[in-house]
């Protein structure tokens, strides 16, 4: 699946507080359970990127809801996969999703950590696997449509490429927007760390 270029920290404000607000708003759907995970990229040797990565990790070390896995691709790009453990586990266990993931080479015996290990291993080896869309919470029909299933035609682009009947995708998109709006309002009166710790 495609990822949004706005998820690259380097395209955003330089002020640390503004940066943390942007991070919390970006991760709002994960914090509030509207999305199971989100992924961010950082240039490997960029000083500001290293500092920001460390700040993000320090803040999320105190989160009881959102966990993260940090890894490096074969091209030297550092990535952090943030995930809501409960929501991701539930998403991956859905019958259609787990069946699809097993067809993509994931183990027959389901274990969330093993599945995360498999996904990350592919990315470390320079592959951005299509099934990441399932981990990110996109409807399976959209993931399969993106891969090129002939019965699923591109319907529209709204946050991601939507294939076939758009109703399920529209519903998901609205939940994501609602989470971002809720956190945006909270950020007007709360520090980003307070939102992360109280979510």
C-alpha atoms as a PDB file:
ATOM      1  CA  UNK A   1       0.000   0.000   0.000  1.00  0.00           C
ATOM      2  CA  UNK A   2       1.102   3.582  -0.491  1.00  0.00           C
ATOM      3  CA  UNK A   3       2.129   5.679   2.455  1.00  0.00           C
ATOM      4  CA  UNK A   4       1.489   9.387   2.814  1.00  0.00           C
ATOM      5  CA  UNK A   5       4.568  11.584   2.381  1.00  0.00           C
ATOM      6  CA  UNK A   6       3.318  13.834   5.199  1.00  0.00           C
ATOM      7  CA  UNK A   7       4.459  11.072   7.564  1.00  0.00           C
ATOM      8  CA  UNK A   8       8.075  12.058   6.946  1.00  0.00           C
ATOM      9  CA  UNK A   9       9.137  14.296   9.826  1.00  0.00           C
ATOM     10  CA  UNK A  10      11.465  16.303   7.592  1.00  0.00           C
ATOM     11  CA  UNK A  11       8.548  17.905   5.746  1.00  0.00           C
ATOM     12  CA  UNK A  12       7.135  19.413   8.942  1.00  0.00           C
ATOM     13  CA  UNK A  13       7.851  22.246  11.380  1.00  0.00           C
ATOM     14  CA  UNK A  14      11.231  22.523  13.086  1.00  0.00           C
ATOM     15  CA  UNK A  15       9.981  23.642  16.521  1.00  0.00           C
ATOM     16  CA  UNK A  16      10.088  20.666  18.959  1.00  0.00           C
ATOM     17  CA  UNK A  17       6.686  21.402  20.549  1.00  0.00           C
ATOM     18  CA  UNK A  18       5.060  21.813  17.139  1.00  0.00           C
ATOM     19  CA  UNK A  19       6.726  18.580  16.065  1.00  0.00           C
ATOM     20  CA  UNK A  20       5.361  16.626  19.059  1.00  0.00           C
ATOM     21  CA  UNK A  21       1.877  18.034  18.454  1.00  0.00           C
ATOM     22  CA  UNK A  22       2.142  16.887  14.841  1.00  0.00           C
ATOM     23  CA  UNK A  23       3.251  13.409  15.999  1.00  0.00           C
ATOM     24  CA  UNK A  24       0.369  13.104  18.450  1.00  0.00           C
ATOM     25  CA  UNK A  25      -2.131  14.264  15.825  1.00  0.00           C
ATOM     26  CA  UNK A  26      -0.679  11.836  13.265  1.00  0.00           C
ATOM     27  CA  UNK A  27      -0.891   8.982  15.766  1.00  0.00           C
ATOM     28  CA  UNK A  28      -4.322  10.012  17.090  1.00  0.00           C
ATOM     29  CA  UNK A  29      -6.118   7.201  15.228  1.00  0.00           C
ATOM     30  CA  UNK A  30      -3.721   4.666  16.791  1.00  0.00           C
ATOM     31  CA  UNK A  31      -4.028   6.236  20.258  1.00  0.00           C
ATOM     32  CA  UNK A  32      -7.833   6.216  20.080  1.00  0.00           C
ATOM     33  CA  UNK A  33      -8.166   2.810  18.411  1.00  0.00           C
ATOM     34  CA  UNK A  34      -9.434   3.967  14.999  1.00  0.00           C
ATOM     35  CA  UNK A  35      -6.313   2.449  13.369  1.00  0.00           C
ATOM     36  CA  UNK A  36      -4.157  -0.442  14.519  1.00  0.00           C
ATOM     37  CA  UNK A  37      -0.808   1.056  13.511  1.00  0.00           C
ATOM     38  CA  UNK A  38       1.149   3.771  11.744  1.00  0.00           C
ATOM     39  CA  UNK A  39       4.682   3.879  10.362  1.00  0.00           C
ATOM     40  CA  UNK A  40       7.154   6.758  10.210  1.00  0.00           C
ATOM     41  CA  UNK A  41      10.493   7.125   8.434  1.00  0.00           C
ATOM     42  CA  UNK A  42      13.649   9.004   9.469  1.00  0.00           C
ATOM     43  CA  UNK A  43      16.918   9.503   7.572  1.00  0.00           C
ATOM     44  CA  UNK A  44      19.598   7.427   9.346  1.00  0.00           C
ATOM     45  CA  UNK A  45      22.356   9.949   9.945  1.00  0.00           C
ATOM     46  CA  UNK A  46      20.353  13.139  10.248  1.00  0.00           C
ATOM     47  CA  UNK A  47      21.096  14.733  13.665  1.00  0.00           C
ATOM     48  CA  UNK A  48      17.661  16.291  13.994  1.00  0.00           C
ATOM     49  CA  UNK A  49      16.070  12.988  12.962  1.00  0.00           C
ATOM     50  CA  UNK A  50      18.034  11.102  15.627  1.00  0.00           C
ATOM     51  CA  UNK A  51      17.034  13.629  18.304  1.00  0.00           C
ATOM     52  CA  UNK A  52      13.386  13.515  17.295  1.00  0.00           C
ATOM     53  CA  UNK A  53      13.355   9.732  17.121  1.00  0.00           C
ATOM     54  CA  UNK A  54      14.764   9.546  20.643  1.00  0.00           C
ATOM     55  CA  UNK A  55      12.227  12.091  21.926  1.00  0.00           C
ATOM     56  CA  UNK A  56       9.351  10.157  20.363  1.00  0.00           C
ATOM     57  CA  UNK A  57      10.568   6.877  21.858  1.00  0.00           C
ATOM     58  CA  UNK A  58      10.997   8.456  25.302  1.00  0.00           C
ATOM     59  CA  UNK A  59       7.438   9.808  25.233  1.00  0.00           C
ATOM     60  CA  UNK A  60       5.921   6.558  23.968  1.00  0.00           C
ATOM     61  CA  UNK A  61       7.859   4.492  26.506  1.00  0.00           C
ATOM     62  CA  UNK A  62       5.295   5.900  28.965  1.00  0.00           C
ATOM     63  CA  UNK A  63       2.249   4.946  26.895  1.00  0.00           C
ATOM     64  CA  UNK A  64       0.127   2.076  28.139  1.00  0.00           C
ATOM     65  CA  UNK A  65      -1.721   1.762  24.840  1.00  0.00           C
ATOM     66  CA  UNK A  66       0.681   2.435  21.972  1.00  0.00           C
ATOM     67  CA  UNK A  67       3.856   0.412  21.540  1.00  0.00           C
ATOM     68  CA  UNK A  68       6.538   0.727  18.903  1.00  0.00           C
ATOM     69  CA  UNK A  69       9.150  -1.247  17.000  1.00  0.00           C
ATOM     70  CA  UNK A  70      12.160   0.535  15.580  1.00  0.00           C
ATOM     71  CA  UNK A  71      14.137  -0.925  12.687  1.00  0.00           C
ATOM     72  CA  UNK A  72      16.364   0.007   9.775  1.00  0.00           C
ATOM     73  CA  UNK A  73      15.903  -0.811   6.103  1.00  0.00           C
ATOM     74  CA  UNK A  74      18.692  -2.035   3.853  1.00  0.00           C
ATOM     75  CA  UNK A  75      18.849   1.493   2.391  1.00  0.00           C
ATOM     76  CA  UNK A  76      19.750   2.965   5.788  1.00  0.00           C
ATOM     77  CA  UNK A  77      16.369   4.502   6.577  1.00  0.00           C
ATOM     78  CA  UNK A  78      15.213   4.210  10.187  1.00  0.00           C
ATOM     79  CA  UNK A  79      11.544   3.423  10.656  1.00  0.00           C
ATOM     80  CA  UNK A  80       9.287   3.262  13.671  1.00  0.00           C
ATOM     81  CA  UNK A  81       6.118   1.193  13.554  1.00  0.00           C
ATOM     82  CA  UNK A  82       3.692   2.405  16.212  1.00  0.00           C
ATOM     83  CA  UNK A  83       0.861   0.070  17.112  1.00  0.00           C
ATOM     84  CA  UNK A  84      -2.120  -0.207  19.408  1.00  0.00           C
ATOM     85  CA  UNK A  85      -1.601  -3.751  20.675  1.00  0.00           C
ATOM     86  CA  UNK A  86      -5.258  -4.536  21.350  1.00  0.00           C
ATOM     87  CA  UNK A  87      -6.555  -3.106  18.065  1.00  0.00           C
ATOM     88  CA  UNK A  88      -3.758  -4.629  15.968  1.00  0.00           C
ATOM     89  CA  UNK A  89      -4.249  -8.046  17.547  1.00  0.00           C
ATOM     90  CA  UNK A  90      -7.992  -7.890  16.866  1.00  0.00           C
ATOM     91  CA  UNK A  91      -7.428  -6.695  13.270  1.00  0.00           C
ATOM     92  CA  UNK A  92      -4.902  -9.399  12.406  1.00  0.00           C
ATOM     93  CA  UNK A  93      -7.082 -12.125  13.952  1.00  0.00           C
ATOM     94  CA  UNK A  94     -10.048 -11.292  11.704  1.00  0.00           C
ATOM     95  CA  UNK A  95     -10.686 -14.422   9.650  1.00  0.00           C
ATOM     96  CA  UNK A  96     -10.210 -12.853   6.206  1.00  0.00           C
ATOM     97  CA  UNK A  97      -7.118 -10.927   7.294  1.00  0.00           C
ATOM     98  CA  UNK A  98      -5.332 -13.861   8.897  1.00  0.00           C
ATOM     99  CA  UNK A  99      -6.162 -16.084   5.926  1.00  0.00           C
ATOM    100  CA  UNK A 100      -4.697 -13.462   3.582  1.00  0.00           C
ATOM    101  CA  UNK A 101      -1.568 -13.037   5.717  1.00  0.00           C
ATOM    102  CA  UNK A 102      -0.958 -16.785   5.789  1.00  0.00           C
ATOM    103  CA  UNK A 103      -1.178 -16.745   1.985  1.00  0.00           C
ATOM    104  CA  UNK A 104       1.561 -14.067   2.075  1.00  0.00           C
ATOM    105  CA  UNK A 105       3.889 -16.403   3.994  1.00  0.00           C
ATOM    106  CA  UNK A 106       3.023 -15.590   7.596  1.00  0.00           C
ATOM    107  CA  UNK A 107       3.108 -18.516  10.066  1.00  0.00           C
ATOM    108  CA  UNK A 108       0.122 -20.834  10.360  1.00  0.00           C
ATOM    109  CA  UNK A 109       0.174 -20.441  14.159  1.00  0.00           C
ATOM    110  CA  UNK A 110      -0.838 -16.862  14.905  1.00  0.00           C
ATOM    111  CA  UNK A 111       1.209 -14.805  17.348  1.00  0.00           C
ATOM    112  CA  UNK A 112       1.151 -11.022  17.113  1.00  0.00           C
ATOM    113  CA  UNK A 113       4.873 -10.664  17.867  1.00  0.00           C
ATOM    114  CA  UNK A 114       5.806 -13.273  15.272  1.00  0.00           C
ATOM    115  CA  UNK A 115       3.612 -11.556  12.687  1.00  0.00           C
ATOM    116  CA  UNK A 116       5.215  -8.184  13.493  1.00  0.00           C
ATOM    117  CA  UNK A 117       8.649  -9.822  13.205  1.00  0.00           C
ATOM    118  CA  UNK A 118       7.739 -11.169   9.734  1.00  0.00           C
ATOM    119  CA  UNK A 119       6.493  -7.789   8.518  1.00  0.00           C
ATOM    120  CA  UNK A 120       9.528  -5.941   9.868  1.00  0.00           C
ATOM    121  CA  UNK A 121      11.964  -8.515   8.440  1.00  0.00           C
ATOM    122  CA  UNK A 122      10.542  -7.887   4.959  1.00  0.00           C
ATOM    123  CA  UNK A 123      10.956  -4.130   5.371  1.00  0.00           C
ATOM    124  CA  UNK A 124      14.481  -4.511   6.770  1.00  0.00           C
ATOM    125  CA  UNK A 125      15.293  -6.390   3.563  1.00  0.00           C
ATOM    126  CA  UNK A 126      14.083  -3.462   1.452  1.00  0.00           C
ATOM    127  CA  UNK A 127      10.568  -4.674   0.662  1.00  0.00           C
ATOM    128  CA  UNK A 128       7.481  -2.592   1.415  1.00  0.00           C
ATOM    129  CA  UNK A 129       5.044  -5.504   1.467  1.00  0.00           C
ATOM    130  CA  UNK A 130       1.509  -4.885   0.246  1.00  0.00           C
ATOM    131  CA  UNK A 131       0.106  -6.617   3.315  1.00  0.00           C
ATOM    132  CA  UNK A 132       1.286  -3.692   5.429  1.00  0.00           C
ATOM    133  CA  UNK A 133      -2.114  -2.250   4.533  1.00  0.00           C
ATOM    134  CA  UNK A 134      -3.736  -4.876   6.769  1.00  0.00           C
ATOM    135  CA  UNK A 135      -1.430  -3.905   9.658  1.00  0.00           C
ATOM    136  CA  UNK A 136      -2.282  -0.231   9.041  1.00  0.00           C
ATOM    137  CA  UNK A 137      -5.978  -1.051   9.230  1.00  0.00           C
ATOM    138  CA  UNK A 138      -7.047  -0.553   5.637  1.00  0.00           C
ATOM    139  CA  UNK A 139      -9.956  -2.768   4.592  1.00  0.00           C
ATOM    140  CA  UNK A 140      -8.693  -6.011   3.064  1.00  0.00           C
ATOM    141  CA  UNK A 141     -10.595  -5.357  -0.178  1.00  0.00           C
ATOM    142  CA  UNK A 142      -8.515  -2.199  -0.645  1.00  0.00           C
ATOM    143  CA  UNK A 143      -5.258  -4.058   0.018  1.00  0.00           C
ATOM    144  CA  UNK A 144      -6.211  -6.795  -2.453  1.00  0.00           C
ATOM    145  CA  UNK A 145      -7.411  -4.204  -4.978  1.00  0.00           C
ATOM    146  CA  UNK A 146      -4.105  -2.349  -4.688  1.00  0.00           C
ATOM    147  CA  UNK A 147      -2.248  -5.591  -5.386  1.00  0.00           C
ATOM    148  CA  UNK A 148      -4.257  -5.853  -8.604  1.00  0.00           C
ATOM    149  CA  UNK A 149      -7.182  -8.246  -8.079  1.00  0.00           C
ATOM    150  CA  UNK A 150      -9.135  -8.022 -11.352  1.00  0.00           C
ATOM    151  CA  UNK A 151     -12.616  -7.893  -9.752  1.00  0.00           C
ATOM    152  CA  UNK A 152     -11.780  -4.835  -7.623  1.00  0.00           C
ATOM    153  CA  UNK A 153     -11.672  -1.601  -9.575  1.00  0.00           C
ATOM    154  CA  UNK A 154     -10.320   1.655  -8.165  1.00  0.00           C
ATOM    155  CA  UNK A 155     -13.310   3.619  -6.902  1.00  0.00           C
ATOM    156  CA  UNK A 156     -11.594   6.692  -5.487  1.00  0.00           C
ATOM    157  CA  UNK A 157      -8.649   7.969  -3.490  1.00  0.00           C
ATOM    158  CA  UNK A 158      -9.541   9.232  -0.026  1.00  0.00           C
ATOM    159  CA  UNK A 159      -6.665   8.810   2.444  1.00  0.00           C
ATOM    160  CA  UNK A 160      -5.658   5.673   0.506  1.00  0.00           C
ATOM    161  CA  UNK A 161      -6.717   3.946  -2.720  1.00  0.00           C
ATOM    162  CA  UNK A 162     -10.246   2.576  -2.316  1.00  0.00           C
ATOM    163  CA  UNK A 163     -11.386  -0.370  -4.419  1.00  0.00           C
ATOM    164  CA  UNK A 164     -14.852  -1.785  -5.009  1.00  0.00           C
ATOM    165  CA  UNK A 165     -17.755  -0.756  -2.759  1.00  0.00           C
ATOM    166  CA  UNK A 166     -16.487   2.327  -0.889  1.00  0.00           C
ATOM    167  CA  UNK A 167     -18.848   2.156   2.122  1.00  0.00           C
ATOM    168  CA  UNK A 168     -16.557   0.188   4.460  1.00  0.00           C
ATOM    169  CA  UNK A 169     -13.585   2.338   3.457  1.00  0.00           C
ATOM    170  CA  UNK A 170     -15.556   5.568   3.918  1.00  0.00           C
ATOM    171  CA  UNK A 171     -16.601   4.439   7.390  1.00  0.00           C
ATOM    172  CA  UNK A 172     -12.979   3.682   8.308  1.00  0.00           C
ATOM    173  CA  UNK A 173     -11.815   7.007   6.895  1.00  0.00           C
ATOM    174  CA  UNK A 174     -14.417   8.907   8.930  1.00  0.00           C
ATOM    175  CA  UNK A 175     -13.276   7.167  12.149  1.00  0.00           C
ATOM    176  CA  UNK A 176      -9.685   8.153  11.395  1.00  0.00           C
ATOM    177  CA  UNK A 177     -10.690  11.785  10.756  1.00  0.00           C
ATOM    178  CA  UNK A 178     -12.810  11.871  13.930  1.00  0.00           C
ATOM    179  CA  UNK A 179      -9.857  10.638  16.010  1.00  0.00           C
ATOM    180  CA  UNK A 180      -7.582  13.298  14.513  1.00  0.00           C
ATOM    181  CA  UNK A 181     -10.157  16.027  15.147  1.00  0.00           C
ATOM    182  CA  UNK A 182     -10.678  14.915  18.747  1.00  0.00           C
ATOM    183  CA  UNK A 183      -6.953  14.970  19.446  1.00  0.00           C
ATOM    184  CA  UNK A 184      -6.552  18.291  17.630  1.00  0.00           C
ATOM    185  CA  UNK A 185      -9.107  19.795  20.057  1.00  0.00           C
ATOM    186  CA  UNK A 186      -7.331  18.179  23.031  1.00  0.00           C
ATOM    187  CA  UNK A 187      -4.021  19.651  21.882  1.00  0.00           C
ATOM    188  CA  UNK A 188      -5.468  23.138  22.239  1.00  0.00           C
ATOM    189  CA  UNK A 189      -5.559  22.708  26.032  1.00  0.00           C
ATOM    190  CA  UNK A 190      -3.202  19.774  26.759  1.00  0.00           C
ATOM    191  CA  UNK A 191       0.482  19.037  26.292  1.00  0.00           C
ATOM    192  CA  UNK A 192       1.154  16.221  23.759  1.00  0.00           C
ATOM    193  CA  UNK A 193       2.649  13.962  26.456  1.00  0.00           C
ATOM    194  CA  UNK A 194      -0.512  14.261  28.580  1.00  0.00           C
ATOM    195  CA  UNK A 195      -2.622  13.066  25.664  1.00  0.00           C
ATOM    196  CA  UNK A 196      -0.339  10.091  25.020  1.00  0.00           C
ATOM    197  CA  UNK A 197      -0.341   9.069  28.675  1.00  0.00           C
ATOM    198  CA  UNK A 198      -4.100   9.484  29.143  1.00  0.00           C
ATOM    199  CA  UNK A 199      -5.270   7.852  25.904  1.00  0.00           C
END
